[in-house]
Amino acid sequence: MRKATLIAGLLVLAFAWGGPLPGAAATSFTAHMIVHMSVVALAAPLIAIGISGTKLDPSARLPRLFSPVLAAMLEFAIVWGWHMPLLHIAARQNGLVNIAEQASFLGGGILLWLSCLNRAAGGATSGAVAGALIGTLGLLLTSMHMTLLGALIAFASRPLYVENGVPICGSDPATAVADQQLGGVIMLFAGGLIYLAGGLALMARVVLKEPPPSSSHREASP
């Protein structure tokens, strides 16, 4: 199952980076957002689930570097930073900057999911419950800030990414706004809902497990 999940994540990544979307993203904000969501909301969690708990998973060996809350803060900085006009335009116009953008999307996403999955592992013990809460918090924080950023982009009434007075996704401002709004909706629903579902799944994995029997429930000796 893990191997299949890992392969699925790599296939999503290959399509996002090697399919028709990168070419379309040069002139379409919607295509750019589909690439973005494919990397952070599909490929990253699938790859993380595929390697979690295996020899490829560094989170168990380096727990201090894989804190769900710190990873969520890093993911916030990555996602919001690359959608600031200056960096967003630079990534569109410079191949090396674009590689850095995509690598940070993938790396930040895998870091966050591995951190949360690792903290939630361990069964229905008190430590696992606390870990699940922290892991859930990390994913819910990410869901919230992606939903907020998606909403800000979706409800913007003017082009946000403009160079020399011209929208970078077409010269027609009305078309650029419509394209931008659709991209924001994709981020709002895809990013927000997938991270929300991940957080709830981590909590359910512990809550739905039957707790170990306590001494008070042991049968009395005859």
C-alpha atoms as a PDB file:
ATOM      1  CA  MET A   1       0.000   0.000   0.000  1.00  0.00           C
ATOM      2  CA  ARG A   2       2.773   2.423   0.904  1.00  0.00           C
ATOM      3  CA  LYS A   3       4.628   1.632  -2.298  1.00  0.00           C
ATOM      4  CA  ALA A   4       1.493   2.248  -4.371  1.00  0.00           C
ATOM      5  CA  THR A   5       0.903   5.558  -2.581  1.00  0.00           C
ATOM      6  CA  LEU A   6       4.492   6.650  -3.176  1.00  0.00           C
ATOM      7  CA  ILE A   7       4.260   5.742  -6.866  1.00  0.00           C
ATOM      8  CA  ALA A   8       0.980   7.664  -7.147  1.00  0.00           C
ATOM      9  CA  GLY A   9       2.614  10.734  -5.608  1.00  0.00           C
ATOM     10  CA  LEU A  10       5.555  10.535  -7.997  1.00  0.00           C
ATOM     11  CA  LEU A  11       3.201  10.166 -10.967  1.00  0.00           C
ATOM     12  CA  VAL A  12       1.247  13.252  -9.884  1.00  0.00           C
ATOM     13  CA  LEU A  13       4.522  15.127  -9.540  1.00  0.00           C
ATOM     14  CA  ALA A  14       5.699  13.988 -12.975  1.00  0.00           C
ATOM     15  CA  PHE A  15       2.451  15.177 -14.554  1.00  0.00           C
ATOM     16  CA  ALA A  16       2.502  18.500 -12.690  1.00  0.00           C
ATOM     17  CA  TRP A  17       6.080  19.264 -13.723  1.00  0.00           C
ATOM     18  CA  GLY A  18       6.378  17.447 -17.033  1.00  0.00           C
ATOM     19  CA  GLY A  19       2.890  17.566 -18.517  1.00  0.00           C
ATOM     20  CA  PRO A  20       1.152  20.400 -20.362  1.00  0.00           C
ATOM     21  CA  LEU A  21       0.456  22.439 -17.222  1.00  0.00           C
ATOM     22  CA  PRO A  22       3.835  24.235 -16.866  1.00  0.00           C
ATOM     23  CA  GLY A  23       3.562  25.571 -20.416  1.00  0.00           C
ATOM     24  CA  ALA A  24      -0.007  26.739 -19.824  1.00  0.00           C
ATOM     25  CA  ALA A  25       1.008  28.306 -16.492  1.00  0.00           C
ATOM     26  CA  ALA A  26       3.166  30.824 -18.354  1.00  0.00           C
ATOM     27  CA  THR A  27       0.011  32.622 -19.482  1.00  0.00           C
ATOM     28  CA  SER A  28      -2.625  31.308 -17.062  1.00  0.00           C
ATOM     29  CA  PHE A  29      -2.829  31.849 -13.323  1.00  0.00           C
ATOM     30  CA  THR A  30      -5.356  29.017 -13.107  1.00  0.00           C
ATOM     31  CA  ALA A  31      -2.874  26.577 -14.655  1.00  0.00           C
ATOM     32  CA  HIS A  32      -0.198  27.847 -12.267  1.00  0.00           C
ATOM     33  CA  MET A  33      -2.493  27.169  -9.318  1.00  0.00           C
ATOM     34  CA  ILE A  34      -3.305  23.674 -10.566  1.00  0.00           C
ATOM     35  CA  VAL A  35       0.434  22.941 -10.686  1.00  0.00           C
ATOM     36  CA  HIS A  36       0.843  24.408  -7.205  1.00  0.00           C
ATOM     37  CA  MET A  37      -2.017  22.388  -5.709  1.00  0.00           C
ATOM     38  CA  SER A  38      -0.895  19.225  -7.503  1.00  0.00           C
ATOM     39  CA  VAL A  39       2.489  19.543  -5.783  1.00  0.00           C
ATOM     40  CA  VAL A  40       1.522  20.619  -2.257  1.00  0.00           C
ATOM     41  CA  ALA A  41      -1.937  19.072  -1.844  1.00  0.00           C
ATOM     42  CA  LEU A  42      -1.589  15.853  -3.861  1.00  0.00           C
ATOM     43  CA  ALA A  43       2.026  14.828  -4.534  1.00  0.00           C
ATOM     44  CA  ALA A  44       3.425  15.927  -1.146  1.00  0.00           C
ATOM     45  CA  PRO A  45       0.927  14.045   1.065  1.00  0.00           C
ATOM     46  CA  LEU A  46       1.015  10.945  -1.151  1.00  0.00           C
ATOM     47  CA  ILE A  47       4.826  10.843  -1.097  1.00  0.00           C
ATOM     48  CA  ALA A  48       4.880  11.497   2.664  1.00  0.00           C
ATOM     49  CA  ILE A  49       2.363   8.712   3.330  1.00  0.00           C
ATOM     50  CA  GLY A  50       4.388   6.425   1.073  1.00  0.00           C
ATOM     51  CA  ILE A  51       7.659   6.923   2.976  1.00  0.00           C
ATOM     52  CA  SER A  52       6.299   7.527   6.494  1.00  0.00           C
ATOM     53  CA  GLY A  53       7.626   4.927   8.898  1.00  0.00           C
ATOM     54  CA  THR A  54      10.113   3.507   6.396  1.00  0.00           C
ATOM     55  CA  LYS A  55      13.895   3.845   6.141  1.00  0.00           C
ATOM     56  CA  LEU A  56      13.336   6.842   3.880  1.00  0.00           C
ATOM     57  CA  ASP A  57      11.516   8.718   6.657  1.00  0.00           C
ATOM     58  CA  PRO A  58      13.932  10.985   8.573  1.00  0.00           C
ATOM     59  CA  SER A  59      11.305  12.347  10.981  1.00  0.00           C
ATOM     60  CA  ALA A  60      11.732   9.608  13.604  1.00  0.00           C
ATOM     61  CA  ARG A  61      15.514  10.137  13.679  1.00  0.00           C
ATOM     62  CA  LEU A  62      15.289  13.931  13.782  1.00  0.00           C
ATOM     63  CA  PRO A  63      12.103  14.685  15.753  1.00  0.00           C
ATOM     64  CA  ARG A  64      13.164  18.212  16.692  1.00  0.00           C
ATOM     65  CA  LEU A  65      13.429  19.171  13.029  1.00  0.00           C
ATOM     66  CA  PHE A  66       9.995  17.720  12.276  1.00  0.00           C
ATOM     67  CA  SER A  67       7.698  19.748  14.501  1.00  0.00           C
ATOM     68  CA  PRO A  68       4.168  20.017  12.991  1.00  0.00           C
ATOM     69  CA  VAL A  69       3.660  23.590  14.173  1.00  0.00           C
ATOM     70  CA  LEU A  70       7.071  24.782  12.958  1.00  0.00           C
ATOM     71  CA  ALA A  71       6.532  22.945   9.662  1.00  0.00           C
ATOM     72  CA  ALA A  72       3.135  24.634   9.309  1.00  0.00           C
ATOM     73  CA  MET A  73       4.762  28.026   9.893  1.00  0.00           C
ATOM     74  CA  LEU A  74       7.395  27.240   7.257  1.00  0.00           C
ATOM     75  CA  GLU A  75       4.674  26.135   4.837  1.00  0.00           C
ATOM     76  CA  PHE A  76       2.862  29.412   5.519  1.00  0.00           C
ATOM     77  CA  ALA A  77       6.002  31.402   4.686  1.00  0.00           C
ATOM     78  CA  ILE A  78       6.581  29.377   1.502  1.00  0.00           C
ATOM     79  CA  VAL A  79       3.017  29.559   0.178  1.00  0.00           C
ATOM     80  CA  TRP A  80       2.368  33.198   1.006  1.00  0.00           C
ATOM     81  CA  GLY A  81       5.887  34.293   0.066  1.00  0.00           C
ATOM     82  CA  TRP A  82       5.752  32.826  -3.441  1.00  0.00           C
ATOM     83  CA  HIS A  83       2.345  34.417  -4.019  1.00  0.00           C
ATOM     84  CA  MET A  84       3.580  37.882  -3.244  1.00  0.00           C
ATOM     85  CA  PRO A  85       3.717  39.813  -6.552  1.00  0.00           C
ATOM     86  CA  LEU A  86       7.507  40.299  -6.629  1.00  0.00           C
ATOM     87  CA  LEU A  87       8.405  36.636  -6.106  1.00  0.00           C
ATOM     88  CA  HIS A  88       5.500  35.318  -8.157  1.00  0.00           C
ATOM     89  CA  ILE A  89       6.518  37.356 -11.198  1.00  0.00           C
ATOM     90  CA  ALA A  90      10.196  36.447 -10.714  1.00  0.00           C
ATOM     91  CA  ALA A  91       9.322  32.739 -10.685  1.00  0.00           C
ATOM     92  CA  ARG A  92       7.427  33.138 -13.956  1.00  0.00           C
ATOM     93  CA  GLN A  93      10.252  34.943 -15.687  1.00  0.00           C
ATOM     94  CA  ASN A  94      13.329  33.102 -14.418  1.00  0.00           C
ATOM     95  CA  GLY A  95      13.807  29.360 -14.764  1.00  0.00           C
ATOM     96  CA  LEU A  96      16.076  29.004 -11.732  1.00  0.00           C
ATOM     97  CA  VAL A  97      13.681  30.962  -9.546  1.00  0.00           C
ATOM     98  CA  ASN A  98      10.838  28.773 -10.778  1.00  0.00           C
ATOM     99  CA  ILE A  99      12.811  25.649  -9.841  1.00  0.00           C
ATOM    100  CA  ALA A 100      13.400  27.104  -6.368  1.00  0.00           C
ATOM    101  CA  GLU A 101       9.676  27.858  -6.048  1.00  0.00           C
ATOM    102  CA  GLN A 102       8.596  24.346  -7.030  1.00  0.00           C
ATOM    103  CA  ALA A 103      11.257  22.671  -4.895  1.00  0.00           C
ATOM    104  CA  SER A 104      10.192  24.673  -1.845  1.00  0.00           C
ATOM    105  CA  PHE A 105       6.531  23.803  -2.460  1.00  0.00           C
ATOM    106  CA  LEU A 106       7.364  20.088  -2.545  1.00  0.00           C
ATOM    107  CA  GLY A 107       9.930  20.137   0.263  1.00  0.00           C
ATOM    108  CA  GLY A 108       7.743  22.198   2.583  1.00  0.00           C
ATOM    109  CA  GLY A 109       4.718  20.009   1.893  1.00  0.00           C
ATOM    110  CA  ILE A 110       6.570  16.729   2.531  1.00  0.00           C
ATOM    111  CA  LEU A 111       8.156  18.172   5.681  1.00  0.00           C
ATOM    112  CA  LEU A 112       4.754  19.153   7.049  1.00  0.00           C
ATOM    113  CA  TRP A 113       3.006  15.869   6.257  1.00  0.00           C
ATOM    114  CA  LEU A 114       5.871  13.742   7.600  1.00  0.00           C
ATOM    115  CA  SER A 115       5.968  15.826  10.788  1.00  0.00           C
ATOM    116  CA  CYS A 116       2.242  15.400  11.359  1.00  0.00           C
ATOM    117  CA  LEU A 117       2.135  11.704  10.444  1.00  0.00           C
ATOM    118  CA  ASN A 118       5.095  10.918  12.690  1.00  0.00           C
ATOM    119  CA  ARG A 119       3.565  12.686  15.703  1.00  0.00           C
ATOM    120  CA  ALA A 120       0.242  10.909  15.236  1.00  0.00           C
ATOM    121  CA  ALA A 121       1.786   7.421  15.059  1.00  0.00           C
ATOM    122  CA  GLY A 122       1.926   5.095  18.023  1.00  0.00           C
ATOM    123  CA  GLY A 123      -1.590   3.844  18.761  1.00  0.00           C
ATOM    124  CA  ALA A 124      -4.110   4.912  21.361  1.00  0.00           C
ATOM    125  CA  THR A 125      -1.652   5.866  24.081  1.00  0.00           C
ATOM    126  CA  SER A 126      -1.707   9.243  25.797  1.00  0.00           C
ATOM    127  CA  GLY A 127       1.435  10.220  23.895  1.00  0.00           C
ATOM    128  CA  ALA A 128      -0.143   9.292  20.586  1.00  0.00           C
ATOM    129  CA  VAL A 129      -3.266  11.283  21.427  1.00  0.00           C
ATOM    130  CA  ALA A 130      -1.147  14.346  22.185  1.00  0.00           C
ATOM    131  CA  GLY A 131       0.839  13.730  19.006  1.00  0.00           C
ATOM    132  CA  ALA A 132      -2.357  13.416  16.990  1.00  0.00           C
ATOM    133  CA  LEU A 133      -3.564  16.716  18.418  1.00  0.00           C
ATOM    134  CA  ILE A 134      -0.314  18.437  17.454  1.00  0.00           C
ATOM    135  CA  GLY A 135      -0.317  16.818  14.018  1.00  0.00           C
ATOM    136  CA  THR A 136      -3.941  17.793  13.493  1.00  0.00           C
ATOM    137  CA  LEU A 137      -3.132  21.343  14.566  1.00  0.00           C
ATOM    138  CA  GLY A 138      -0.332  21.576  11.999  1.00  0.00           C
ATOM    139  CA  LEU A 139      -2.586  20.486   9.152  1.00  0.00           C
ATOM    140  CA  LEU A 140      -5.531  22.613  10.304  1.00  0.00           C
ATOM    141  CA  LEU A 141      -3.336  25.724  10.513  1.00  0.00           C
ATOM    142  CA  THR A 142      -2.212  25.060   6.942  1.00  0.00           C
ATOM    143  CA  SER A 143      -5.802  24.510   5.827  1.00  0.00           C
ATOM    144  CA  MET A 144      -6.792  27.833   7.372  1.00  0.00           C
ATOM    145  CA  HIS A 145      -4.048  29.923   5.801  1.00  0.00           C
ATOM    146  CA  MET A 146      -4.488  28.296   2.369  1.00  0.00           C
ATOM    147  CA  THR A 147      -8.221  28.938   2.565  1.00  0.00           C
ATOM    148  CA  LEU A 148      -7.569  32.555   3.522  1.00  0.00           C
ATOM    149  CA  LEU A 149      -5.045  33.150   0.735  1.00  0.00           C
ATOM    150  CA  GLY A 150      -7.299  31.429  -1.791  1.00  0.00           C
ATOM    151  CA  ALA A 151     -10.208  33.622  -0.717  1.00  0.00           C
ATOM    152  CA  LEU A 152      -8.131  36.811  -0.960  1.00  0.00           C
ATOM    153  CA  ILE A 153      -7.091  35.883  -4.500  1.00  0.00           C
ATOM    154  CA  ALA A 154     -10.577  34.706  -5.501  1.00  0.00           C
ATOM    155  CA  PHE A 155     -12.291  37.879  -4.331  1.00  0.00           C
ATOM    156  CA  ALA A 156      -9.710  40.343  -5.650  1.00  0.00           C
ATOM    157  CA  SER A 157     -11.389  42.757  -8.045  1.00  0.00           C
ATOM    158  CA  ARG A 158      -8.202  43.748  -9.882  1.00  0.00           C
ATOM    159  CA  PRO A 159      -5.173  41.914 -11.276  1.00  0.00           C
ATOM    160  CA  LEU A 160      -2.700  41.246  -8.466  1.00  0.00           C
ATOM    161  CA  TYR A 161       0.254  40.366 -10.685  1.00  0.00           C
ATOM    162  CA  VAL A 162       1.077  43.286 -12.927  1.00  0.00           C
ATOM    163  CA  GLU A 163       4.297  44.350 -14.623  1.00  0.00           C
ATOM    164  CA  ASN A 164       4.678  47.760 -16.243  1.00  0.00           C
ATOM    165  CA  GLY A 165       0.961  48.311 -15.825  1.00  0.00           C
ATOM    166  CA  VAL A 166       0.017  45.135 -17.732  1.00  0.00           C
ATOM    167  CA  PRO A 167      -1.294  41.922 -16.119  1.00  0.00           C
ATOM    168  CA  ILE A 168       1.217  39.115 -16.585  1.00  0.00           C
ATOM    169  CA  CYS A 169      -1.573  36.702 -17.568  1.00  0.00           C
ATOM    170  CA  GLY A 170      -2.929  38.542 -20.583  1.00  0.00           C
ATOM    171  CA  SER A 171      -3.286  42.185 -21.500  1.00  0.00           C
ATOM    172  CA  ASP A 172      -7.043  42.306 -20.841  1.00  0.00           C
ATOM    173  CA  PRO A 173      -7.616  43.175 -17.147  1.00  0.00           C
ATOM    174  CA  ALA A 174     -11.099  41.604 -17.098  1.00  0.00           C
ATOM    175  CA  THR A 175      -9.785  38.294 -18.452  1.00  0.00           C
ATOM    176  CA  ALA A 176      -6.831  38.405 -16.046  1.00  0.00           C
ATOM    177  CA  VAL A 177      -9.150  38.963 -13.067  1.00  0.00           C
ATOM    178  CA  ALA A 178     -11.421  36.072 -14.087  1.00  0.00           C
ATOM    179  CA  ASP A 179      -8.406  33.784 -14.516  1.00  0.00           C
ATOM    180  CA  GLN A 180      -6.985  34.904 -11.202  1.00  0.00           C
ATOM    181  CA  GLN A 181     -10.300  34.382  -9.387  1.00  0.00           C
ATOM    182  CA  LEU A 182     -10.646  30.841 -10.724  1.00  0.00           C
ATOM    183  CA  GLY A 183      -7.120  30.078  -9.509  1.00  0.00           C
ATOM    184  CA  GLY A 184      -8.018  31.428  -6.088  1.00  0.00           C
ATOM    185  CA  VAL A 185     -11.105  29.204  -5.922  1.00  0.00           C
ATOM    186  CA  ILE A 186      -8.975  26.166  -6.794  1.00  0.00           C
ATOM    187  CA  MET A 187      -6.567  26.998  -3.973  1.00  0.00           C
ATOM    188  CA  LEU A 188      -9.383  27.706  -1.545  1.00  0.00           C
ATOM    189  CA  PHE A 189     -11.101  24.371  -2.076  1.00  0.00           C
ATOM    190  CA  ALA A 190      -8.240  22.036  -3.032  1.00  0.00           C
ATOM    191  CA  GLY A 191      -5.675  23.261  -0.514  1.00  0.00           C
ATOM    192  CA  GLY A 192      -8.116  24.058   2.269  1.00  0.00           C
ATOM    193  CA  LEU A 193     -10.164  20.866   2.057  1.00  0.00           C
ATOM    194  CA  ILE A 194      -7.313  18.392   1.568  1.00  0.00           C
ATOM    195  CA  TYR A 195      -5.358  19.697   4.560  1.00  0.00           C
ATOM    196  CA  LEU A 196      -8.563  19.822   6.609  1.00  0.00           C
ATOM    197  CA  ALA A 197      -9.344  16.219   5.659  1.00  0.00           C
ATOM    198  CA  GLY A 198      -5.796  15.192   6.547  1.00  0.00           C
ATOM    199  CA  GLY A 199      -6.033  16.773   9.984  1.00  0.00           C
ATOM    200  CA  LEU A 200      -9.367  15.129  10.728  1.00  0.00           C
ATOM    201  CA  ALA A 201      -8.060  11.767   9.497  1.00  0.00           C
ATOM    202  CA  LEU A 202      -5.103  11.954  11.885  1.00  0.00           C
ATOM    203  CA  MET A 203      -7.395  12.598  14.798  1.00  0.00           C
ATOM    204  CA  ALA A 204      -9.852   9.893  13.755  1.00  0.00           C
ATOM    205  CA  ARG A 205      -7.034   7.358  13.484  1.00  0.00           C
ATOM    206  CA  VAL A 206      -6.424   7.685  17.227  1.00  0.00           C
ATOM    207  CA  VAL A 207      -9.955   8.426  18.440  1.00  0.00           C
ATOM    208  CA  LEU A 208     -11.441   5.406  16.679  1.00  0.00           C
ATOM    209  CA  LYS A 209      -8.815   3.025  18.031  1.00  0.00           C
ATOM    210  CA  GLU A 210      -9.887   1.005  21.022  1.00  0.00           C
ATOM    211  CA  PRO A 211      -7.787   2.045  24.036  1.00  0.00           C
ATOM    212  CA  PRO A 212      -5.702  -0.594  25.777  1.00  0.00           C
ATOM    213  CA  PRO A 213      -7.483  -2.270  28.734  1.00  0.00           C
ATOM    214  CA  SER A 214      -6.711  -0.723  32.099  1.00  0.00           C
ATOM    215  CA  SER A 215      -6.096  -2.595  35.292  1.00  0.00           C
ATOM    216  CA  SER A 216      -9.567  -1.657  36.565  1.00  0.00           C
ATOM    217  CA  HIS A 217     -11.138  -3.635  33.725  1.00  0.00           C
ATOM    218  CA  ARG A 218      -9.170  -6.818  34.294  1.00  0.00           C
ATOM    219  CA  GLU A 219     -11.129  -9.788  35.444  1.00  0.00           C
ATOM    220  CA  ALA A 220     -10.853 -10.477  39.114  1.00  0.00           C
ATOM    221  CA  SER A 221      -8.997 -13.612  40.063  1.00  0.00           C
ATOM    222  CA  PRO A 222     -11.275 -16.473  41.233  1.00  0.00           C
END
